[in-house]
Protein backbone atom coordinates (compact mmCIF):
# COMPACT_ATOMS: atom_id res chain seq x y z
CA MET A 1 -56.61 29.43 -21.74
CA ALA A 2 -52.93 30.33 -21.19
CA ASN A 3 -50.10 27.72 -22.12
CA TYR A 4 -47.79 27.22 -19.00
CA PRO A 5 -44.42 25.68 -20.23
CA GLN A 6 -44.14 22.21 -19.62
CA PRO A 7 -41.38 20.47 -17.40
CA ALA A 8 -38.65 19.47 -19.04
CA ASN A 9 -38.15 15.60 -19.66
CA SER A 10 -35.18 14.50 -17.33
CA GLU A 11 -35.11 11.02 -18.55
CA PRO A 12 -32.73 11.77 -21.46
CA SER A 13 -30.51 13.43 -18.62
CA LYS A 14 -30.54 10.58 -16.43
CA GLN A 15 -29.81 8.26 -19.51
CA THR A 16 -26.87 10.43 -20.22
CA ALA A 17 -25.22 10.26 -16.81
CA THR A 18 -25.80 6.56 -16.66
CA SER A 19 -23.87 6.20 -20.01
CA THR A 20 -21.19 8.38 -18.68
CA ASN A 21 -20.74 6.40 -15.42
CA GLN A 22 -20.73 3.10 -17.32
CA PHE A 23 -18.17 4.32 -19.64
CA ARG A 24 -15.72 5.71 -16.67
CA PHE A 25 -16.05 2.26 -15.10
CA ALA A 26 -15.18 0.46 -18.19
CA ALA A 27 -12.39 2.95 -18.54
CA PHE A 28 -11.43 2.24 -14.87
CA LEU A 29 -11.52 -1.68 -15.48
CA SER A 30 -9.26 -1.25 -18.82
CA LEU A 31 -6.71 0.95 -17.15
CA LEU A 32 -6.69 -1.36 -13.84
CA ARG A 33 -5.83 -4.27 -16.43
CA TYR A 34 -3.53 -2.32 -18.27
CA ASP A 35 -1.64 -1.44 -14.78
CA LEU A 36 -1.61 -4.81 -13.54
CA GLY A 37 0.11 -6.06 -16.56
CA ILE A 38 2.87 -3.41 -16.54
CA LEU A 39 3.42 -4.12 -12.60
CA ASN A 40 3.19 -8.18 -13.95
CA ARG A 41 6.15 -7.67 -16.37
CA SER A 42 8.30 -5.28 -13.86
CA VAL A 43 11.76 -6.65 -13.36
CA VAL A 44 11.94 -4.97 -10.03
CA ILE A 45 8.76 -6.57 -8.56
CA ARG A 46 9.95 -9.98 -9.67
CA PHE A 47 13.46 -9.53 -8.21
CA TRP A 48 12.02 -8.13 -4.92
CA PHE A 49 9.35 -11.09 -5.04
CA LEU A 50 12.59 -13.52 -5.26
CA LEU A 51 14.16 -11.88 -2.33
CA THR A 52 10.93 -12.14 -0.18
CA LEU A 53 10.49 -15.71 -0.99
CA ILE A 54 14.13 -16.38 0.08
CA GLY A 55 13.60 -14.48 3.39
CA ALA A 56 10.53 -16.46 4.02
CA SER A 57 12.50 -19.67 3.65
CA THR A 58 15.22 -18.41 5.84
CA ALA A 59 12.73 -17.15 8.72
CA VAL A 60 11.12 -20.83 8.54
CA LEU A 61 14.42 -22.52 8.80
CA VAL A 62 15.85 -20.61 11.61
CA SER A 63 12.71 -21.01 13.56
CA ARG A 64 12.95 -24.97 13.44
CA ASN A 65 16.55 -24.94 14.21
CA TYR A 66 17.24 -22.19 16.92
CA ILE A 67 15.58 -22.11 20.36
CA ASP A 68 15.18 -18.18 20.65
CA PRO A 69 11.28 -17.55 20.68
CA THR A 70 9.46 -17.16 17.29
CA SER A 71 8.23 -13.68 18.31
CA PHE A 72 11.59 -12.46 18.09
CA PHE A 73 12.38 -14.00 14.74
CA MET A 74 9.31 -12.81 13.15
CA SER A 75 9.49 -9.36 14.72
CA TRP A 76 12.70 -9.11 13.22
CA ALA A 77 11.51 -10.51 9.49
CA LEU A 78 8.43 -7.46 9.73
CA ALA A 79 11.08 -4.90 10.91
CA LEU A 80 13.52 -5.87 7.92
CA TYR A 81 10.12 -5.65 5.38
CA ALA A 82 9.10 -2.45 6.82
CA GLY A 83 12.57 -0.87 6.07
CA LEU A 84 13.66 -2.70 2.80
CA GLY A 85 9.94 -3.35 1.51
CA SER A 86 9.04 0.39 1.95
CA PHE A 87 11.63 1.35 -0.39
CA VAL A 88 10.26 -0.67 -3.07
CA THR A 89 6.75 0.05 -2.52
CA LEU A 90 8.06 3.71 -2.61
CA VAL A 91 9.75 3.02 -6.10
CA ILE A 92 6.57 1.37 -7.40
CA SER A 93 4.31 4.21 -6.31
CA VAL A 94 6.14 7.35 -6.76
CA SER A 95 6.80 6.30 -10.39
CA ALA A 96 2.93 5.42 -11.16
CA ILE A 97 2.22 8.76 -12.81
CA SER A 98 5.32 10.81 -12.88
CA ALA A 99 6.88 8.48 -15.20
CA GLU A 100 4.20 8.71 -17.68
CA ARG A 101 3.75 12.35 -17.46
CA PRO A 102 5.55 13.17 -20.71
CA PHE A 103 2.96 11.55 -22.72
CA LEU A 104 0.07 11.54 -20.34
CA GLY A 105 -1.91 14.72 -21.52
CA VAL A 106 -1.59 13.49 -24.97
CA THR A 107 -2.84 9.96 -24.14
CA ILE A 108 -5.82 11.57 -22.16
CA ILE A 109 -7.00 14.04 -24.99
CA SER A 110 -6.58 11.47 -27.53
CA ARG A 111 -8.09 8.51 -26.26
CA GLY A 112 -10.65 10.71 -24.40
CA ILE A 113 -9.39 9.04 -20.79
CA ALA A 114 -10.99 11.09 -17.86
CA PRO A 115 -8.33 11.55 -15.47
CA THR A 116 -10.37 10.51 -12.31
CA PRO A 117 -10.60 6.77 -13.74
CA TYR A 118 -6.82 6.93 -14.57
CA VAL A 119 -5.89 7.77 -11.01
CA LEU A 120 -8.24 5.33 -9.27
CA ALA A 121 -6.96 2.60 -11.37
CA LYS A 122 -3.15 3.70 -10.17
CA LEU A 123 -4.34 3.69 -6.60
CA THR A 124 -5.96 0.19 -6.97
CA SER A 125 -3.55 -1.81 -8.97
CA ARG A 126 -0.66 -0.46 -6.94
CA CYS A 127 -2.42 -1.22 -3.76
CA LEU A 128 -3.37 -4.59 -4.83
CA TYR A 129 -0.01 -5.72 -6.22
CA ILE A 130 1.67 -4.48 -3.23
CA LEU A 131 -0.60 -5.92 -0.70
CA GLY A 132 -0.92 -9.02 -2.79
CA MET A 133 2.98 -9.83 -2.91
CA PHE A 134 3.09 -9.04 1.08
CA LEU A 135 0.10 -11.27 2.09
CA LEU A 136 1.05 -14.18 -0.29
CA VAL A 137 4.33 -14.68 1.14
CA VAL A 138 4.34 -13.61 5.07
CA THR A 139 0.92 -14.99 5.90
CA PRO A 140 2.00 -18.68 5.23
CA THR A 141 5.43 -18.02 6.49
CA MET A 142 4.01 -16.53 10.04
CA PHE A 143 1.77 -19.46 10.25
CA LEU A 144 4.56 -22.16 9.52
CA VAL A 145 7.03 -20.53 11.85
CA GLN A 146 4.01 -20.42 14.31
CA ALA A 147 3.44 -24.20 13.72
CA GLN A 148 6.94 -25.56 13.41
CA GLY A 149 9.22 -23.25 15.57
CA LEU A 150 11.16 -24.68 18.43
CA ASN A 151 9.97 -22.23 21.08
CA ASN A 152 6.67 -20.94 19.55
CA ASP A 153 5.12 -17.80 21.79
CA MET A 154 3.16 -16.53 19.19
CA VAL A 155 -0.92 -16.61 19.09
CA THR A 156 -3.21 -16.27 15.99
CA SER A 157 -4.72 -13.17 17.25
CA GLY A 158 -1.14 -11.38 17.31
CA VAL A 159 -0.22 -12.83 14.02
CA LEU A 160 -3.63 -11.61 12.27
CA LEU A 161 -3.11 -8.45 14.00
CA SER A 162 0.36 -7.79 12.89
CA LEU A 163 -0.68 -8.59 9.17
CA LEU A 164 -3.58 -6.00 9.55
CA TYR A 165 -0.94 -3.35 10.77
CA TRP A 166 1.73 -4.22 8.00
CA SER A 167 -1.30 -4.24 5.33
CA LEU A 168 -2.31 -0.52 6.45
CA LEU A 169 1.38 0.44 6.55
CA LEU A 170 2.21 -0.65 2.98
CA THR A 171 -1.36 0.76 1.78
CA VAL A 172 -0.84 4.24 3.16
CA LEU A 173 2.67 4.34 1.66
CA VAL A 174 1.53 3.53 -1.77
CA LEU A 175 -1.40 6.34 -1.31
CA LEU A 176 1.29 8.59 -0.25
CA GLY A 177 3.59 7.47 -3.22
CA ILE A 178 0.79 8.34 -5.80
CA THR A 179 -0.13 11.45 -4.30
CA ALA A 180 3.65 12.39 -4.44
CA SER A 181 3.58 11.18 -8.19
CA VAL A 182 0.78 13.55 -8.96
CA LEU A 183 2.75 16.53 -7.15
CA PHE A 184 6.19 16.08 -8.63
CA ASN A 185 7.14 15.82 -12.20
CA ASN A 186 10.37 14.29 -11.46
CA THR A 187 10.04 10.64 -10.29
CA LEU A 188 13.56 10.75 -8.53
CA PHE A 189 12.81 13.92 -6.83
CA GLY A 190 9.45 12.56 -5.16
CA LEU A 191 11.10 9.72 -4.12
CA VAL A 192 13.99 11.40 -2.23
CA VAL A 193 11.49 14.16 -0.69
CA LEU A 194 8.96 11.21 0.33
CA GLY A 195 11.43 8.28 1.13
CA SER A 196 13.32 10.91 3.34
CA PHE A 197 10.21 11.95 5.25
CA TRP A 198 9.14 8.31 5.65
CA TYR A 199 12.25 6.86 6.79
CA ILE A 200 12.95 9.69 9.32
CA GLY A 201 9.51 8.62 10.69
CA LEU A 202 10.62 5.05 10.82
CA VAL A 203 13.78 5.78 12.48
CA THR A 204 11.67 8.10 15.22
CA LEU A 205 9.40 5.59 15.83
CA THR A 206 11.74 2.79 16.59
CA LEU A 207 13.93 4.94 18.89
CA THR A 208 10.49 6.12 20.61
CA TYR A 209 9.73 2.28 21.35
CA ALA A 210 13.20 0.72 21.80
CA GLY A 211 13.83 -0.64 25.15
CA GLY A 212 17.78 -0.25 24.34
CA LEU A 213 20.42 -0.76 21.50
CA THR A 214 20.17 -4.50 21.41
CA PRO A 215 18.41 -6.95 19.04
CA GLN A 216 15.64 -7.17 21.79
CA GLY A 217 15.32 -3.90 22.47
CA VAL A 218 15.26 -2.28 19.13
CA LEU A 219 11.90 -4.34 18.21
CA GLY A 220 10.25 -2.52 20.84
CA ASN A 221 6.55 -4.18 21.31
CA LEU A 222 6.76 -6.16 18.02
CA PRO A 223 7.21 -9.30 19.91
CA LEU A 224 4.44 -8.30 22.64
CA LEU A 225 2.08 -7.63 19.30
CA LEU A 226 2.54 -11.28 18.08
CA GLN A 227 2.38 -12.72 21.48
CA GLY A 228 -1.22 -11.07 21.72
CA HIS A 229 -0.48 -8.78 24.35
CA SER A 230 -1.61 -5.45 22.95
CA LYS A 231 -3.89 -2.77 24.66
CA PRO A 232 -6.99 -2.22 22.90
CA ILE A 233 -6.39 1.59 23.26
CA GLU A 234 -3.47 0.84 21.09
CA ILE A 235 -5.33 -1.07 18.78
CA TYR A 236 -7.87 1.38 18.43
CA ALA A 237 -5.11 4.30 17.94
CA ILE A 238 -3.00 2.32 14.98
CA LEU A 239 -6.27 1.31 13.20
CA LEU A 240 -7.24 4.85 13.24
CA ILE A 241 -4.18 6.51 12.34
CA GLY A 242 -3.95 4.12 9.45
CA ILE A 243 -7.76 4.39 8.14
CA ILE A 244 -8.13 7.97 8.06
CA PRO A 245 -5.12 8.57 5.43
CA THR A 246 -6.57 5.42 3.40
CA LEU A 247 -9.96 7.38 3.12
CA THR A 248 -8.48 10.60 2.46
CA LEU A 249 -5.14 10.22 0.57
CA PRO A 250 -7.19 8.94 -2.95
CA ILE A 251 -9.47 12.21 -2.71
CA ILE A 252 -6.36 14.24 -2.48
CA ALA A 253 -4.65 12.79 -5.32
CA VAL A 254 -7.66 12.72 -7.64
CA ARG A 255 -8.51 16.35 -6.83
CA LEU A 256 -4.63 17.29 -7.35
CA PHE A 257 -4.59 15.48 -10.52
CA ASN A 258 -7.59 17.17 -12.01
CA SER A 259 -6.30 20.50 -11.35
CA ARG A 260 -2.77 19.80 -12.79
CA ASP A 261 -2.19 21.29 -16.14
CA LEU A 262 -1.20 17.94 -18.11
C-alpha cells in the first residue's frame, strides 16, 4: 500500500503567529507608556496647557460680564485655539519620529522593536494627549459659558458638535504631522512644509466663509454652529472629510515607515 504524505500540522504555525501578535501588542503598550511619559514631561506641553487654562478662565469671565452673545465669545475662543493650538500640535507631532531618527535604527535592531508597533504607539499617544488636553479644558469651559453667560444663545447640540469638529481637526493634524515626521528627516523642515500648507488652508477656509472683515464676519458660520443651526448635509460633509484621513493616514504612515531605510 502506497504511503501518501500526511498533511503538515498547522498548530505550531498558529501558536507562533499568536505569540508574535502578543509580543507586538506588548511592545505597542510599552512604547505607548514610554511616549506618554515623554509628553507628560514636555515643557512645551505644560506651557501650552497653562495658556489654555488662562484663556478658558478669561472666556468664562468675559461671558459673565459682557452682554455680547456667548456664541460670539466661544467662536473666537475656538478660532484662536485652531490658530495657536495648531502650531503646538504641529510641533508635537512632526517631532515625534524625526527627532529620534539619529538613533532609531540602532534601537529597533538592538531591542527587537518592530517598526509597526512603534509608529502605531506614536500615533496613539500623540492623538490621546492632544485631544485629552483640548477636551479637558475646552469642554467644561463651553458648558460654563453656556450656563453663566449674560446673553447665552448656545445650545447643547451645537456645543457637542463643535467639540466633535475640533477633535477631528486636531486628530487629522496629528496624523498629518506624524506622517510628515516619517517623510522628512529634518524636524524643522517638516514643520515649515506642513505648517505652510496647513495655515494657508485655514486662511483660505476663513476667507471663503467670512461675511466681511469684521469681528463677526471673520467667524463665518461658527456662531451658527454653536447655536445649533447647522444643516445636516454640512454636518455629514465635514464628518466625512475628517473621518477619511483619520482612517487612511495611519496606514500610510506605517507603510512609509516600513519602507524607509533606518
